[in-house]
Amino acid sequence: MNILTTAMEKIKNNPNRDKIGKYLFYTAFIIYLVTHFLMGTMYVYIFYDIGLSIPYRIMMVAIVLAVIKILFFNRISNWQELTIEILVGLLLAVTAINSQTMDLLYYYIMILAAKDLDFKQILKVFIYIEVFMLLFSAFSVYMGWILEVVNMRTGNAGIRLSLGSVYPTDLAARIFYISLAYVTLKKFKLKLPEYISLLAICAFIYFVTDTKVDTLLILLLIVVSVFRNTVMKLLYRIGANTITLVAGAVVGIEIILTYLYTANSRILNIMDRILSGRLKYGHMAFKDYNVTMFGQFIKEHANGGIHKEKFNYFFIDVSYLRVLMFGGIVAFVLLVIMLVYSVNKFMNDKTICLLVALLFAALSSLIDQHLMELSYNIIFIAMLTNNDYFKDKLV
């Protein structure tokens, strides 16, 4: 104990403490991003052959580095804060063990590890890594290192490509989140070439992946950027309480409709078709597993990757429902607290562009499953970081 106390005292008094802590975080962050990204590509089948535990062990190295950064290099305001952080971590650890899904726990650890660092620089690193990995994935397909997933919608002759991702919609989601990160970095102040580039990205997503949701989201991203000042002022006037109430109501309604879904309801069937079966399969999750307090393992059969025989499709796409079903009530409540805290923080700090980015991620998560996957959505990292760069003089 005396040795540990002495070591912590030396670190505390080290003039390079902040620099070492920053390097630790970025090392952990980059290792985690690269590995998590690869697990969403067809490289996962190479991992199956050489040992699926390898990427998880690599991610564990990243998490250990992040924990070291938290324990020895974070500046603790008070013991109450430390107690809350440890308690939340323990609760998420229990839900992660029960569900065999580590994304929420690992994301939380990275949030703590990023404390007081510059979110602008973190966002830049995220964009560089994501773009590089996206190009690397596509290049790997071109070189024949990994297989390409070619998909067709039922009743549609159009071919959908994934360019190395396990499914075309995952490729579309990655491109959307990279676009969102870039526009956030620019504080939604875009120039004509950037607008043209976003329109080209829209066309690419639509014609290559045939994913309408992400196409519409990027179009909305363009619209919000065009009317940036009006949107920022409007959100500030609406206020954090109203935003969280409306967002909470939308999420709540979606979950309730999923729970109440029945094939006998014409209205719910129409909504289910619009949502590509998300109500139906979400209802199956409620029926077969129901909600637990501390999470559970749910076996899914998704369309992504390679399938050598017929299977019964079952996958929970909606992010909020995934957290509720996999992580249980505790994980879902903690997610709600994170969302409410983030909305209030961004509003109070007048970093409205970060609030807009959060709302885009929240909107996308009504359809997709990537809200708590760090290699897609990075916005929660900004919960404890230095966000001075993003402060807006308009509000």
Protein backbone atom coordinates (compact mmCIF):
# COMPACT_ATOMS: atom_id res chain seq x y z
CA MET A 1 0.00 0.00 0.00
CA ASN A 2 2.86 2.37 0.85
CA ILE A 3 4.51 1.60 -2.50
CA LEU A 4 1.28 2.43 -4.36
CA THR A 5 0.83 5.65 -2.39
CA THR A 6 4.42 6.68 -3.12
CA ALA A 7 4.01 5.90 -6.83
CA MET A 8 0.79 7.95 -7.02
CA GLU A 9 2.47 10.83 -5.20
CA LYS A 10 5.37 10.81 -7.70
CA ILE A 11 2.93 10.81 -10.63
CA LYS A 12 0.93 13.63 -9.04
CA ASN A 13 4.06 15.78 -8.70
CA ASN A 14 5.48 14.89 -12.13
CA PRO A 15 5.57 18.05 -14.32
CA ASN A 16 4.84 15.87 -17.39
CA ARG A 17 1.80 14.26 -15.78
CA ASP A 18 -0.76 15.73 -18.19
CA LYS A 19 1.35 14.93 -21.24
CA ILE A 20 1.87 11.30 -20.21
CA GLY A 21 -1.85 10.95 -19.46
CA LYS A 22 -2.73 12.33 -22.87
CA TYR A 23 -0.39 9.90 -24.64
CA LEU A 24 -1.86 7.01 -22.65
CA PHE A 25 -5.38 7.97 -23.70
CA TYR A 26 -4.58 8.37 -27.39
CA THR A 27 -2.70 5.07 -27.46
CA ALA A 28 -5.67 3.31 -25.88
CA PHE A 29 -8.14 5.20 -28.08
CA ILE A 30 -6.41 4.37 -31.37
CA ILE A 31 -5.87 0.70 -30.48
CA TYR A 32 -9.51 0.35 -29.51
CA LEU A 33 -10.86 2.18 -32.59
CA VAL A 34 -8.80 0.12 -35.04
CA THR A 35 -9.66 -3.21 -33.41
CA HIS A 36 -13.35 -2.41 -32.99
CA PHE A 37 -13.53 -1.24 -36.61
CA LEU A 38 -11.94 -4.47 -37.87
CA MET A 39 -14.47 -6.52 -35.91
CA GLY A 40 -17.17 -4.89 -38.02
CA THR A 41 -15.52 -5.94 -41.29
CA MET A 42 -15.01 -9.26 -43.03
CA TYR A 43 -11.64 -9.48 -41.25
CA VAL A 44 -13.72 -11.00 -38.45
CA TYR A 45 -13.63 -14.29 -40.40
CA ILE A 46 -9.83 -14.22 -40.41
CA PHE A 47 -10.02 -13.74 -36.65
CA TYR A 48 -12.30 -16.79 -36.50
CA ASP A 49 -9.58 -18.84 -38.19
CA ILE A 50 -6.62 -17.62 -36.12
CA GLY A 51 -8.50 -17.22 -32.85
CA LEU A 52 -11.45 -14.96 -32.15
CA SER A 53 -10.05 -14.11 -28.72
CA ILE A 54 -7.16 -12.15 -30.27
CA PRO A 55 -9.06 -8.91 -31.11
CA TYR A 56 -10.80 -8.99 -27.73
CA ARG A 57 -7.42 -9.31 -26.00
CA ILE A 58 -6.12 -6.37 -28.03
CA MET A 59 -9.15 -4.31 -26.97
CA MET A 60 -8.46 -5.35 -23.38
CA VAL A 61 -4.95 -3.90 -23.72
CA ALA A 62 -6.54 -0.62 -24.79
CA ILE A 63 -8.95 -0.73 -21.86
CA VAL A 64 -6.14 -1.47 -19.37
CA LEU A 65 -4.23 1.57 -20.68
CA ALA A 66 -7.38 3.67 -20.35
CA VAL A 67 -7.91 2.47 -16.77
CA ILE A 68 -4.28 3.34 -15.91
CA LYS A 69 -4.89 6.81 -17.30
CA ILE A 70 -8.01 7.15 -15.15
CA LEU A 71 -6.44 5.86 -11.92
CA PHE A 72 -3.10 7.66 -12.07
CA PHE A 73 -3.51 10.69 -14.33
CA ASN A 74 -7.10 11.94 -13.98
CA ARG A 75 -7.61 14.86 -11.66
CA ILE A 76 -10.30 13.95 -9.12
CA SER A 77 -12.47 16.85 -7.93
CA ASN A 78 -13.74 15.06 -4.82
CA TRP A 79 -14.26 11.60 -3.38
CA GLN A 80 -17.99 11.73 -4.09
CA GLU A 81 -17.24 12.02 -7.79
CA LEU A 82 -14.82 9.08 -7.61
CA THR A 83 -17.37 6.98 -5.71
CA ILE A 84 -20.04 7.61 -8.35
CA GLU A 85 -17.64 6.77 -11.19
CA ILE A 86 -16.66 3.48 -9.52
CA LEU A 87 -20.28 2.57 -8.73
CA VAL A 88 -21.43 3.20 -12.30
CA GLY A 89 -18.48 1.20 -13.61
CA LEU A 90 -19.35 -1.77 -11.36
CA LEU A 91 -23.00 -1.70 -12.43
CA LEU A 92 -22.02 -1.63 -16.11
CA ALA A 93 -19.53 -4.44 -15.51
CA VAL A 94 -22.33 -6.63 -14.12
CA THR A 95 -24.59 -5.92 -17.10
CA ALA A 96 -21.67 -6.51 -19.50
CA ILE A 97 -20.87 -9.91 -17.96
CA ASN A 98 -24.52 -10.99 -18.01
CA SER A 99 -25.13 -9.88 -21.61
CA GLN A 100 -21.65 -10.79 -22.91
CA THR A 101 -21.68 -7.37 -24.58
CA MET A 102 -18.87 -5.03 -23.53
CA ASP A 103 -19.52 -1.97 -25.71
CA LEU A 104 -21.32 0.14 -23.09
CA LEU A 105 -18.76 -0.61 -20.35
CA TYR A 106 -15.78 0.04 -22.62
CA TYR A 107 -17.36 3.26 -23.92
CA TYR A 108 -17.83 4.43 -20.32
CA ILE A 109 -14.19 3.73 -19.51
CA MET A 110 -13.07 5.73 -22.55
CA ILE A 111 -15.31 8.63 -21.48
CA LEU A 112 -13.55 8.73 -18.10
CA ALA A 113 -10.11 8.35 -19.70
CA ALA A 114 -10.78 11.35 -21.98
CA LYS A 115 -11.56 13.63 -19.05
CA ASP A 116 -10.19 17.20 -19.45
CA LEU A 117 -8.58 16.45 -22.83
CA ASP A 118 -9.34 18.59 -25.89
CA PHE A 119 -12.35 17.11 -27.71
CA LYS A 120 -11.38 18.93 -30.90
CA GLN A 121 -8.14 16.92 -31.09
CA ILE A 122 -9.91 13.69 -30.16
CA LEU A 123 -12.42 14.31 -32.96
CA LYS A 124 -9.59 14.87 -35.45
CA VAL A 125 -7.90 11.61 -34.48
CA PHE A 126 -11.25 9.81 -34.75
CA ILE A 127 -11.83 11.11 -38.28
CA TYR A 128 -8.31 10.25 -39.46
CA ILE A 129 -8.52 6.70 -38.05
CA GLU A 130 -12.03 6.09 -39.37
CA VAL A 131 -11.29 7.33 -42.89
CA PHE A 132 -8.05 5.35 -43.03
CA MET A 133 -9.77 2.17 -41.84
CA LEU A 134 -12.63 2.67 -44.29
CA LEU A 135 -10.18 2.98 -47.19
CA PHE A 136 -8.15 0.05 -45.85
CA SER A 137 -11.26 -2.11 -45.71
CA ALA A 138 -12.21 -1.26 -49.30
CA PHE A 139 -8.60 -1.81 -50.44
CA SER A 140 -8.58 -5.20 -48.70
CA VAL A 141 -11.60 -6.25 -50.77
CA TYR A 142 -9.90 -5.02 -53.94
CA MET A 143 -6.75 -7.01 -53.11
CA GLY A 144 -8.79 -10.10 -52.27
CA TRP A 145 -7.62 -10.20 -48.66
CA ILE A 146 -11.21 -10.33 -47.44
CA LEU A 147 -14.50 -11.21 -49.13
CA GLU A 148 -17.07 -8.68 -50.29
CA VAL A 149 -20.68 -8.92 -49.13
CA VAL A 150 -23.02 -8.47 -52.08
CA ASN A 151 -26.67 -8.15 -51.13
CA MET A 152 -30.02 -7.58 -52.84
CA ARG A 153 -33.29 -6.43 -51.31
CA THR A 154 -36.29 -8.69 -51.83
CA GLY A 155 -38.13 -7.63 -54.97
CA ASN A 156 -35.32 -5.30 -56.03
CA ALA A 157 -32.74 -6.13 -58.71
CA GLY A 158 -30.26 -3.54 -57.43
CA ILE A 159 -26.98 -4.80 -55.98
CA ARG A 160 -25.84 -3.51 -52.58
CA LEU A 161 -22.14 -3.48 -51.68
CA SER A 162 -20.45 -3.31 -48.28
CA LEU A 163 -16.82 -2.65 -49.37
CA GLY A 164 -15.48 -4.92 -46.66
CA SER A 165 -18.03 -4.21 -43.94
CA VAL A 166 -20.13 -7.15 -42.76
CA TYR A 167 -23.28 -5.60 -44.28
CA PRO A 168 -24.11 -2.65 -46.58
CA THR A 169 -26.06 -0.80 -43.88
CA ASP A 170 -22.98 -0.90 -41.62
CA LEU A 171 -20.95 0.78 -44.36
CA ALA A 172 -23.65 3.44 -44.74
CA ALA A 173 -23.75 4.02 -40.97
CA ARG A 174 -19.97 4.38 -40.79
CA ILE A 175 -19.98 6.96 -43.58
CA PHE A 176 -22.80 8.87 -41.88
CA TYR A 177 -20.99 8.98 -38.53
CA ILE A 178 -17.71 10.05 -40.17
CA SER A 179 -19.62 12.80 -41.99
CA LEU A 180 -21.27 13.84 -38.72
CA ALA A 181 -17.88 13.95 -36.97
CA TYR A 182 -16.40 16.11 -39.74
CA VAL A 183 -19.33 18.54 -39.80
CA THR A 184 -19.18 18.75 -35.99
CA LEU A 185 -15.45 19.52 -36.18
CA LYS A 186 -16.30 22.35 -38.60
CA LYS A 187 -19.01 23.49 -36.15
CA PHE A 188 -21.58 23.09 -38.93
CA LYS A 189 -19.93 25.95 -40.85
CA LEU A 190 -19.39 24.48 -44.29
CA LYS A 191 -18.10 25.87 -47.57
CA LEU A 192 -19.42 25.10 -51.05
CA PRO A 193 -16.90 22.28 -51.80
CA GLU A 194 -17.91 20.60 -48.53
CA TYR A 195 -21.60 20.80 -49.41
CA ILE A 196 -20.84 19.26 -52.81
CA SER A 197 -18.81 16.51 -51.12
CA LEU A 198 -21.70 15.69 -48.78
CA LEU A 199 -24.09 15.51 -51.73
CA ALA A 200 -21.66 13.13 -53.45
CA ILE A 201 -21.56 11.03 -50.27
CA CYS A 202 -25.38 10.94 -50.29
CA ALA A 203 -25.35 9.65 -53.86
CA PHE A 204 -22.69 7.07 -52.99
CA ILE A 205 -24.64 5.74 -50.00
CA TYR A 206 -27.88 5.59 -51.95
CA PHE A 207 -26.58 3.90 -55.09
CA VAL A 208 -23.89 1.66 -53.55
CA THR A 209 -25.56 0.54 -50.30
CA ASP A 210 -29.22 1.38 -51.05
CA THR A 211 -29.60 2.65 -47.48
CA LYS A 212 -32.25 5.35 -47.40
CA VAL A 213 -32.03 6.25 -43.72
CA ASP A 214 -28.38 7.32 -43.78
CA THR A 215 -28.92 9.09 -47.10
CA LEU A 216 -31.73 11.13 -45.52
CA LEU A 217 -29.65 11.80 -42.41
CA ILE A 218 -26.79 13.27 -44.44
CA LEU A 219 -29.26 15.36 -46.44
CA LEU A 220 -30.61 16.61 -43.11
CA LEU A 221 -27.02 17.30 -42.04
CA ILE A 222 -26.67 19.53 -45.11
CA VAL A 223 -29.94 21.34 -44.37
CA VAL A 224 -28.98 21.97 -40.74
CA SER A 225 -25.59 23.31 -41.85
CA VAL A 226 -27.23 25.67 -44.36
CA PHE A 227 -29.55 27.04 -41.67
CA ARG A 228 -26.96 26.70 -38.92
CA ASN A 229 -27.53 29.99 -37.10
CA THR A 230 -31.31 29.60 -37.06
CA VAL A 231 -31.10 26.02 -35.78
CA MET A 232 -28.60 26.88 -33.03
CA LYS A 233 -30.67 29.82 -31.78
CA LEU A 234 -33.89 27.80 -31.94
CA LEU A 235 -32.46 24.93 -29.90
CA TYR A 236 -31.12 27.34 -27.30
CA ARG A 237 -34.54 28.97 -26.97
CA ILE A 238 -36.31 25.62 -26.72
CA GLY A 239 -34.05 24.65 -23.84
CA ALA A 240 -32.60 21.42 -22.48
CA ASN A 241 -35.73 20.33 -20.59
CA THR A 242 -37.99 20.47 -23.63
CA ILE A 243 -35.41 18.75 -25.84
CA THR A 244 -34.97 15.87 -23.38
CA LEU A 245 -38.75 15.53 -22.90
CA VAL A 246 -39.41 15.37 -26.65
CA ALA A 247 -36.50 12.99 -27.29
CA GLY A 248 -37.54 10.82 -24.36
CA ALA A 249 -41.13 10.72 -25.58
CA VAL A 250 -40.05 9.64 -29.07
CA VAL A 251 -37.84 6.85 -27.70
CA GLY A 252 -40.55 5.80 -25.24
CA ILE A 253 -43.22 5.68 -27.95
CA GLU A 254 -41.00 3.54 -30.17
CA ILE A 255 -40.36 1.06 -27.35
CA ILE A 256 -44.06 0.95 -26.38
CA LEU A 257 -45.16 0.39 -29.99
CA THR A 258 -42.57 -2.38 -30.26
CA TYR A 259 -43.93 -4.02 -27.12
CA LEU A 260 -47.56 -3.71 -28.31
CA TYR A 261 -46.86 -4.81 -31.89
CA THR A 262 -49.22 -7.37 -33.35
CA ALA A 263 -49.52 -8.67 -36.89
CA ASN A 264 -53.27 -8.08 -36.66
CA SER A 265 -52.88 -4.32 -36.47
CA ARG A 266 -52.90 -2.67 -39.90
CA ILE A 267 -51.38 0.58 -38.59
CA LEU A 268 -48.56 -1.19 -36.75
CA ASN A 269 -47.89 -3.36 -39.80
CA ILE A 270 -47.53 -0.27 -41.97
CA MET A 271 -45.16 1.28 -39.43
CA ASP A 272 -43.23 -1.99 -39.24
CA ARG A 273 -42.75 -2.05 -43.01
CA ILE A 274 -41.53 1.55 -42.93
CA LEU A 275 -39.07 0.57 -40.18
CA SER A 276 -37.94 -2.57 -42.07
CA GLY A 277 -39.30 -5.03 -39.52
CA ARG A 278 -37.89 -3.34 -36.42
CA LEU A 279 -41.22 -3.49 -34.56
CA LYS A 280 -41.71 -7.17 -35.38
CA TYR A 281 -38.26 -8.34 -34.30
CA GLY A 282 -38.22 -6.05 -31.30
CA HIS A 283 -41.54 -7.55 -30.20
CA MET A 284 -40.03 -11.01 -30.61
CA ALA A 285 -37.30 -9.96 -28.20
CA PHE A 286 -39.89 -8.88 -25.62
CA LYS A 287 -41.85 -12.09 -26.13
CA ASP A 288 -38.93 -14.53 -25.99
CA TYR A 289 -36.69 -12.79 -23.43
CA ASN A 290 -38.50 -9.87 -21.79
CA VAL A 291 -36.59 -7.24 -19.77
CA THR A 292 -34.23 -8.08 -16.90
CA MET A 293 -32.71 -5.89 -14.21
CA PHE A 294 -29.00 -6.54 -14.90
CA GLY A 295 -28.93 -7.81 -18.48
CA GLN A 296 -28.96 -11.11 -20.31
CA PHE A 297 -27.41 -12.86 -23.29
CA ILE A 298 -29.60 -12.85 -26.41
CA LYS A 299 -28.72 -15.02 -29.38
CA GLU A 300 -29.18 -13.21 -32.69
CA HIS A 301 -29.02 -14.24 -36.35
CA ALA A 302 -28.28 -11.25 -38.55
CA ASN A 303 -27.90 -10.92 -42.32
CA GLY A 304 -24.33 -9.66 -42.19
CA GLY A 305 -21.32 -11.75 -43.19
CA ILE A 306 -21.36 -15.22 -44.77
CA HIS A 307 -24.17 -17.73 -44.36
CA LYS A 308 -23.70 -21.29 -45.60
CA GLU A 309 -27.23 -22.42 -44.83
CA LYS A 310 -30.71 -21.05 -44.19
CA PHE A 311 -31.39 -19.42 -40.83
CA ASN A 312 -34.19 -17.64 -39.03
CA TYR A 313 -33.35 -13.94 -39.03
CA PHE A 314 -33.54 -12.23 -35.65
CA PHE A 315 -31.72 -9.02 -34.79
CA ILE A 316 -32.49 -6.02 -32.56
CA ASP A 317 -31.55 -2.98 -34.66
CA VAL A 318 -32.81 -0.13 -32.47
CA SER A 319 -30.02 1.05 -30.15
CA TYR A 320 -32.27 1.94 -27.21
CA LEU A 321 -34.04 -1.40 -27.35
CA ARG A 322 -30.69 -3.23 -27.57
CA VAL A 323 -29.46 -1.55 -24.40
CA LEU A 324 -32.76 -2.33 -22.64
CA MET A 325 -32.90 -5.98 -23.73
CA PHE A 326 -29.18 -6.83 -23.49
CA GLY A 327 -28.11 -4.56 -20.62
CA GLY A 328 -31.37 -4.57 -18.66
CA ILE A 329 -33.14 -1.80 -16.78
CA VAL A 330 -29.97 -0.65 -14.99
CA ALA A 331 -28.00 -0.14 -18.23
CA PHE A 332 -30.98 1.57 -19.87
CA VAL A 333 -31.41 3.99 -16.95
CA LEU A 334 -27.69 4.80 -17.05
CA LEU A 335 -27.97 5.45 -20.81
CA VAL A 336 -30.88 7.82 -20.18
CA ILE A 337 -28.82 9.63 -17.52
CA MET A 338 -25.93 9.95 -20.00
CA LEU A 339 -28.24 11.42 -22.62
CA VAL A 340 -29.89 13.87 -20.23
CA TYR A 341 -26.53 14.89 -18.74
CA SER A 342 -25.04 15.45 -22.21
CA VAL A 343 -27.97 17.58 -23.40
CA ASN A 344 -27.80 19.76 -20.29
CA LYS A 345 -24.00 20.04 -20.38
CA PHE A 346 -23.88 21.06 -24.05
CA MET A 347 -26.70 23.54 -23.51
CA ASN A 348 -25.22 25.09 -20.35
CA ASP A 349 -21.75 25.29 -21.90
CA LYS A 350 -23.27 26.86 -25.04
CA THR A 351 -21.64 24.19 -27.21
CA ILE A 352 -24.79 23.89 -29.30
CA CYS A 353 -23.04 22.23 -32.24
CA LEU A 354 -22.20 19.29 -29.94
CA LEU A 355 -25.86 19.19 -28.93
CA VAL A 356 -26.87 19.02 -32.59
CA ALA A 357 -24.39 16.18 -33.15
CA LEU A 358 -25.86 14.33 -30.17
CA LEU A 359 -29.39 14.77 -31.55
CA PHE A 360 -28.28 13.38 -34.92
CA ALA A 361 -26.77 10.33 -33.21
CA ALA A 362 -29.93 9.93 -31.11
CA LEU A 363 -32.12 10.18 -34.21
CA SER A 364 -30.05 7.65 -36.13
CA SER A 365 -30.25 5.28 -33.17
CA LEU A 366 -34.02 5.02 -33.54
CA ILE A 367 -33.15 2.87 -36.56
CA ASP A 368 -29.61 1.54 -36.14
CA GLN A 369 -27.72 -0.27 -33.37
CA HIS A 370 -24.54 1.83 -33.22
CA LEU A 371 -25.26 4.42 -30.49
CA MET A 372 -22.90 2.83 -27.95
CA GLU A 373 -20.26 1.63 -30.42
CA LEU A 374 -17.28 3.97 -30.16
CA SER A 375 -15.95 3.26 -33.66
CA TYR A 376 -19.24 4.68 -34.99
CA ASN A 377 -20.53 7.29 -32.55
CA ILE A 378 -17.99 9.39 -30.63
CA ILE A 379 -20.19 12.16 -29.22
CA PHE A 380 -20.43 10.79 -25.64
CA ILE A 381 -16.66 11.22 -25.28
CA ALA A 382 -17.40 14.95 -25.08
CA MET A 383 -19.19 14.50 -21.73
CA LEU A 384 -16.06 15.20 -19.67
CA THR A 385 -13.64 16.74 -22.17
CA ASN A 386 -12.54 20.34 -22.74
CA ASN A 387 -15.04 21.66 -25.28
CA ASP A 388 -14.04 25.35 -25.38
CA TYR A 389 -13.43 25.23 -29.14
CA PHE A 390 -17.09 24.42 -29.75
CA LYS A 391 -18.59 27.30 -27.77
CA ASP A 392 -20.94 29.38 -29.90
CA LYS A 393 -21.12 33.17 -29.71
CA LEU A 394 -24.63 33.14 -31.16
CA VAL A 395 -26.19 32.00 -27.88
